[in-house]
Amino acid sequence: MERTKNHTLHLPADLIRRAKVYAAQNDTTINSVVKELLEQRVSREDRMRLAADRILAIADQGPLTSEDPGGISRDAIYERG
């Protein structure tokens, strides 16, 4: 079983009221809603960090070609005559 820990949140009364309604309409609890939202946010941040790390690793490898991009003509890019 996953270890849990209690934590007190101070939220506006109107938000709590709306959260209770939302939880009841979705047959869940405020705790479950908050847990899901936090997991989504943390997961998104983790994915963004991993993506940034991959981009930086690719950048560290240097350019994929030794050709000067300034020397490529528009016609060559679009394979024109």
N, C-alpha and C. Protein backbone atom coordinates (compact mmCIF):
# COMPACT_ATOMS: atom_id res chain seq x y z
N MET A 1 0.84 -1.18 0.00
CA MET A 1 0.00 0.00 0.00
C MET A 1 0.89 1.25 0.00
N GLU A 2 0.48 2.23 -0.77
CA GLU A 2 1.23 3.48 -0.88
C GLU A 2 1.14 4.26 0.42
N ARG A 3 2.28 4.73 0.88
CA ARG A 3 2.32 5.53 2.10
C ARG A 3 1.72 6.90 1.82
N THR A 4 0.89 7.38 2.70
CA THR A 4 0.28 8.69 2.53
C THR A 4 0.65 9.58 3.70
N LYS A 5 0.47 10.87 3.48
CA LYS A 5 0.77 11.85 4.51
C LYS A 5 -0.28 12.95 4.42
N ASN A 6 -0.78 13.38 5.55
CA ASN A 6 -1.77 14.46 5.57
C ASN A 6 -1.10 15.80 5.39
N HIS A 7 -1.82 16.69 4.70
CA HIS A 7 -1.33 18.05 4.51
C HIS A 7 -2.53 18.98 4.48
N THR A 8 -2.44 20.09 5.15
CA THR A 8 -3.54 21.05 5.20
C THR A 8 -3.37 22.08 4.09
N LEU A 9 -4.44 22.29 3.34
CA LEU A 9 -4.45 23.31 2.29
C LEU A 9 -5.39 24.43 2.70
N HIS A 10 -5.02 25.63 2.42
CA HIS A 10 -5.87 26.78 2.69
C HIS A 10 -6.37 27.30 1.35
N LEU A 11 -7.66 27.04 1.09
CA LEU A 11 -8.26 27.40 -0.19
C LEU A 11 -9.49 28.27 0.03
N PRO A 12 -9.83 29.09 -0.96
CA PRO A 12 -11.03 29.93 -0.83
C PRO A 12 -12.29 29.06 -0.64
N ALA A 13 -13.19 29.54 0.21
CA ALA A 13 -14.41 28.79 0.53
C ALA A 13 -15.22 28.47 -0.72
N ASP A 14 -15.30 29.41 -1.66
CA ASP A 14 -16.06 29.17 -2.88
C ASP A 14 -15.44 28.05 -3.71
N LEU A 15 -14.12 27.99 -3.74
CA LEU A 15 -13.45 26.92 -4.48
C LEU A 15 -13.73 25.57 -3.83
N ILE A 16 -13.71 25.52 -2.52
CA ILE A 16 -14.03 24.28 -1.80
C ILE A 16 -15.46 23.85 -2.11
N ARG A 17 -16.40 24.80 -2.08
CA ARG A 17 -17.79 24.47 -2.37
C ARG A 17 -17.93 23.91 -3.78
N ARG A 18 -17.30 24.57 -4.76
CA ARG A 18 -17.38 24.10 -6.14
C ARG A 18 -16.70 22.75 -6.31
N ALA A 19 -15.60 22.54 -5.59
CA ALA A 19 -14.89 21.27 -5.65
C ALA A 19 -15.74 20.14 -5.08
N LYS A 20 -16.47 20.42 -4.01
CA LYS A 20 -17.37 19.41 -3.43
C LYS A 20 -18.45 19.02 -4.42
N VAL A 21 -19.01 20.01 -5.09
CA VAL A 21 -20.04 19.74 -6.10
C VAL A 21 -19.45 18.91 -7.23
N TYR A 22 -18.29 19.32 -7.72
CA TYR A 22 -17.63 18.60 -8.80
C TYR A 22 -17.36 17.14 -8.39
N ALA A 23 -16.81 16.96 -7.19
CA ALA A 23 -16.49 15.61 -6.71
C ALA A 23 -17.75 14.77 -6.61
N ALA A 24 -18.82 15.34 -6.08
CA ALA A 24 -20.07 14.59 -5.94
C ALA A 24 -20.63 14.20 -7.32
N GLN A 25 -20.57 15.13 -8.26
CA GLN A 25 -21.08 14.85 -9.61
C GLN A 25 -20.25 13.79 -10.32
N ASN A 26 -19.00 13.65 -9.93
CA ASN A 26 -18.11 12.68 -10.57
C ASN A 26 -17.81 11.47 -9.69
N ASP A 27 -18.62 11.31 -8.65
CA ASP A 27 -18.53 10.15 -7.75
C ASP A 27 -17.09 9.93 -7.27
N THR A 28 -16.50 11.01 -6.76
CA THR A 28 -15.13 10.93 -6.25
C THR A 28 -15.02 11.84 -5.02
N THR A 29 -13.82 12.09 -4.58
CA THR A 29 -13.60 12.95 -3.41
C THR A 29 -12.72 14.13 -3.82
N ILE A 30 -12.76 15.18 -3.03
CA ILE A 30 -11.88 16.32 -3.27
C ILE A 30 -10.43 15.85 -3.21
N ASN A 31 -10.12 15.00 -2.28
CA ASN A 31 -8.76 14.47 -2.15
C ASN A 31 -8.31 13.81 -3.45
N SER A 32 -9.18 12.99 -4.03
CA SER A 32 -8.84 12.31 -5.28
C SER A 32 -8.65 13.30 -6.43
N VAL A 33 -9.48 14.32 -6.48
CA VAL A 33 -9.38 15.34 -7.52
C VAL A 33 -8.05 16.08 -7.39
N VAL A 34 -7.71 16.50 -6.17
CA VAL A 34 -6.46 17.23 -5.94
C VAL A 34 -5.27 16.33 -6.27
N LYS A 35 -5.32 15.08 -5.85
CA LYS A 35 -4.24 14.13 -6.13
C LYS A 35 -4.04 13.98 -7.63
N GLU A 36 -5.12 13.80 -8.37
CA GLU A 36 -5.03 13.64 -9.82
C GLU A 36 -4.44 14.89 -10.49
N LEU A 37 -4.91 16.07 -10.07
CA LEU A 37 -4.40 17.31 -10.64
C LEU A 37 -2.91 17.49 -10.35
N LEU A 38 -2.49 17.19 -9.13
CA LEU A 38 -1.08 17.31 -8.78
C LEU A 38 -0.22 16.32 -9.57
N GLU A 39 -0.72 15.09 -9.72
CA GLU A 39 0.02 14.08 -10.49
C GLU A 39 0.16 14.52 -11.94
N GLN A 40 -0.91 15.09 -12.52
CA GLN A 40 -0.84 15.57 -13.90
C GLN A 40 0.18 16.68 -14.04
N ARG A 41 0.16 17.62 -13.12
CA ARG A 41 1.07 18.77 -13.20
C ARG A 41 2.52 18.32 -13.06
N VAL A 42 2.78 17.47 -12.07
CA VAL A 42 4.15 17.01 -11.83
C VAL A 42 4.63 16.16 -13.01
N SER A 43 3.76 15.33 -13.54
CA SER A 43 4.11 14.49 -14.68
C SER A 43 4.43 15.36 -15.90
N ARG A 44 3.64 16.39 -16.14
CA ARG A 44 3.87 17.30 -17.26
C ARG A 44 5.22 18.00 -17.10
N GLU A 45 5.52 18.44 -15.88
CA GLU A 45 6.80 19.10 -15.62
C GLU A 45 7.96 18.13 -15.86
N ASP A 46 7.79 16.88 -15.43
CA ASP A 46 8.83 15.87 -15.63
C ASP A 46 9.05 15.63 -17.13
N ARG A 47 7.96 15.52 -17.90
CA ARG A 47 8.08 15.30 -19.34
C ARG A 47 8.76 16.48 -20.02
N MET A 48 8.43 17.70 -19.60
CA MET A 48 9.05 18.88 -20.18
C MET A 48 10.55 18.90 -19.87
N ARG A 49 10.91 18.54 -18.66
CA ARG A 49 12.32 18.51 -18.26
C ARG A 49 13.09 17.47 -19.07
N LEU A 50 12.49 16.29 -19.26
CA LEU A 50 13.14 15.24 -20.05
C LEU A 50 13.30 15.67 -21.50
N ALA A 51 12.27 16.31 -22.06
CA ALA A 51 12.35 16.79 -23.44
C ALA A 51 13.45 17.83 -23.58
N ALA A 52 13.54 18.74 -22.64
CA ALA A 52 14.58 19.77 -22.68
C ALA A 52 15.96 19.12 -22.59
N ASP A 53 16.10 18.12 -21.74
CA ASP A 53 17.38 17.41 -21.62
C ASP A 53 17.75 16.73 -22.93
N ARG A 54 16.75 16.13 -23.62
CA ARG A 54 17.03 15.48 -24.91
C ARG A 54 17.46 16.51 -25.96
N ILE A 55 16.78 17.66 -25.98
CA ILE A 55 17.13 18.70 -26.94
C ILE A 55 18.56 19.19 -26.69
N LEU A 56 18.90 19.40 -25.42
CA LEU A 56 20.25 19.85 -25.10
C LEU A 56 21.30 18.80 -25.46
N ALA A 57 20.96 17.52 -25.29
CA ALA A 57 21.90 16.45 -25.65
C ALA A 57 22.13 16.44 -27.16
N ILE A 58 21.07 16.64 -27.93
CA ILE A 58 21.20 16.70 -29.39
C ILE A 58 22.04 17.91 -29.78
N ALA A 59 21.79 19.04 -29.14
CA ALA A 59 22.56 20.26 -29.44
C ALA A 59 24.03 20.07 -29.12
N ASP A 60 24.34 19.33 -28.06
CA ASP A 60 25.73 19.07 -27.68
C ASP A 60 26.46 18.23 -28.73
N GLN A 61 25.71 17.45 -29.51
CA GLN A 61 26.32 16.62 -30.55
C GLN A 61 26.79 17.45 -31.73
N GLY A 62 26.31 18.68 -31.81
CA GLY A 62 26.72 19.56 -32.90
C GLY A 62 25.80 19.41 -34.09
N PRO A 63 26.10 20.14 -35.16
CA PRO A 63 25.24 20.11 -36.33
C PRO A 63 25.23 18.73 -36.99
N LEU A 64 24.12 18.43 -37.67
CA LEU A 64 23.99 17.14 -38.34
C LEU A 64 24.72 17.12 -39.68
N THR A 65 25.15 18.27 -40.12
CA THR A 65 25.87 18.36 -41.39
C THR A 65 27.00 19.38 -41.24
N SER A 66 28.00 19.22 -42.05
CA SER A 66 29.11 20.17 -42.01
C SER A 66 28.90 21.28 -43.04
N GLU A 67 27.84 21.17 -43.83
CA GLU A 67 27.57 22.19 -44.85
C GLU A 67 27.05 23.46 -44.20
N ASP A 68 27.55 24.59 -44.67
CA ASP A 68 27.13 25.89 -44.16
C ASP A 68 25.71 26.17 -44.64
N PRO A 69 24.74 26.31 -43.72
CA PRO A 69 23.36 26.54 -44.15
C PRO A 69 23.19 27.81 -44.95
N GLY A 70 24.08 28.78 -44.75
CA GLY A 70 24.01 30.02 -45.52
C GLY A 70 24.37 29.82 -46.98
N GLY A 71 25.07 28.73 -47.27
CA GLY A 71 25.49 28.45 -48.63
C GLY A 71 24.49 27.64 -49.43
N ILE A 72 23.38 27.26 -48.84
CA ILE A 72 22.38 26.46 -49.54
C ILE A 72 21.39 27.41 -50.22
N SER A 73 21.18 27.19 -51.49
CA SER A 73 20.26 28.07 -52.23
C SER A 73 18.82 27.64 -52.00
N ARG A 74 17.91 28.57 -52.21
CA ARG A 74 16.49 28.27 -52.11
C ARG A 74 16.09 27.18 -53.10
N ASP A 75 16.65 27.25 -54.32
CA ASP A 75 16.35 26.25 -55.33
C ASP A 75 16.79 24.85 -54.88
N ALA A 76 17.93 24.78 -54.21
CA ALA A 76 18.43 23.50 -53.73
C ALA A 76 17.53 22.94 -52.63
N ILE A 77 17.03 23.83 -51.79
CA ILE A 77 16.13 23.39 -50.72
C ILE A 77 14.87 22.76 -51.30
N TYR A 78 14.34 23.40 -52.34
CA TYR A 78 13.09 22.93 -52.94
C TYR A 78 13.35 22.07 -54.18
N GLU A 79 14.61 21.64 -54.35
CA GLU A 79 15.04 20.76 -55.44
C GLU A 79 14.60 21.30 -56.80
N ARG A 80 14.84 22.59 -56.99
CA ARG A 80 14.53 23.19 -58.28
C ARG A 80 15.81 23.25 -59.10
N GLY A 81 15.62 23.34 -60.35
CA GLY A 81 16.62 23.33 -61.34
C GLY A 81 17.82 24.11 -61.25
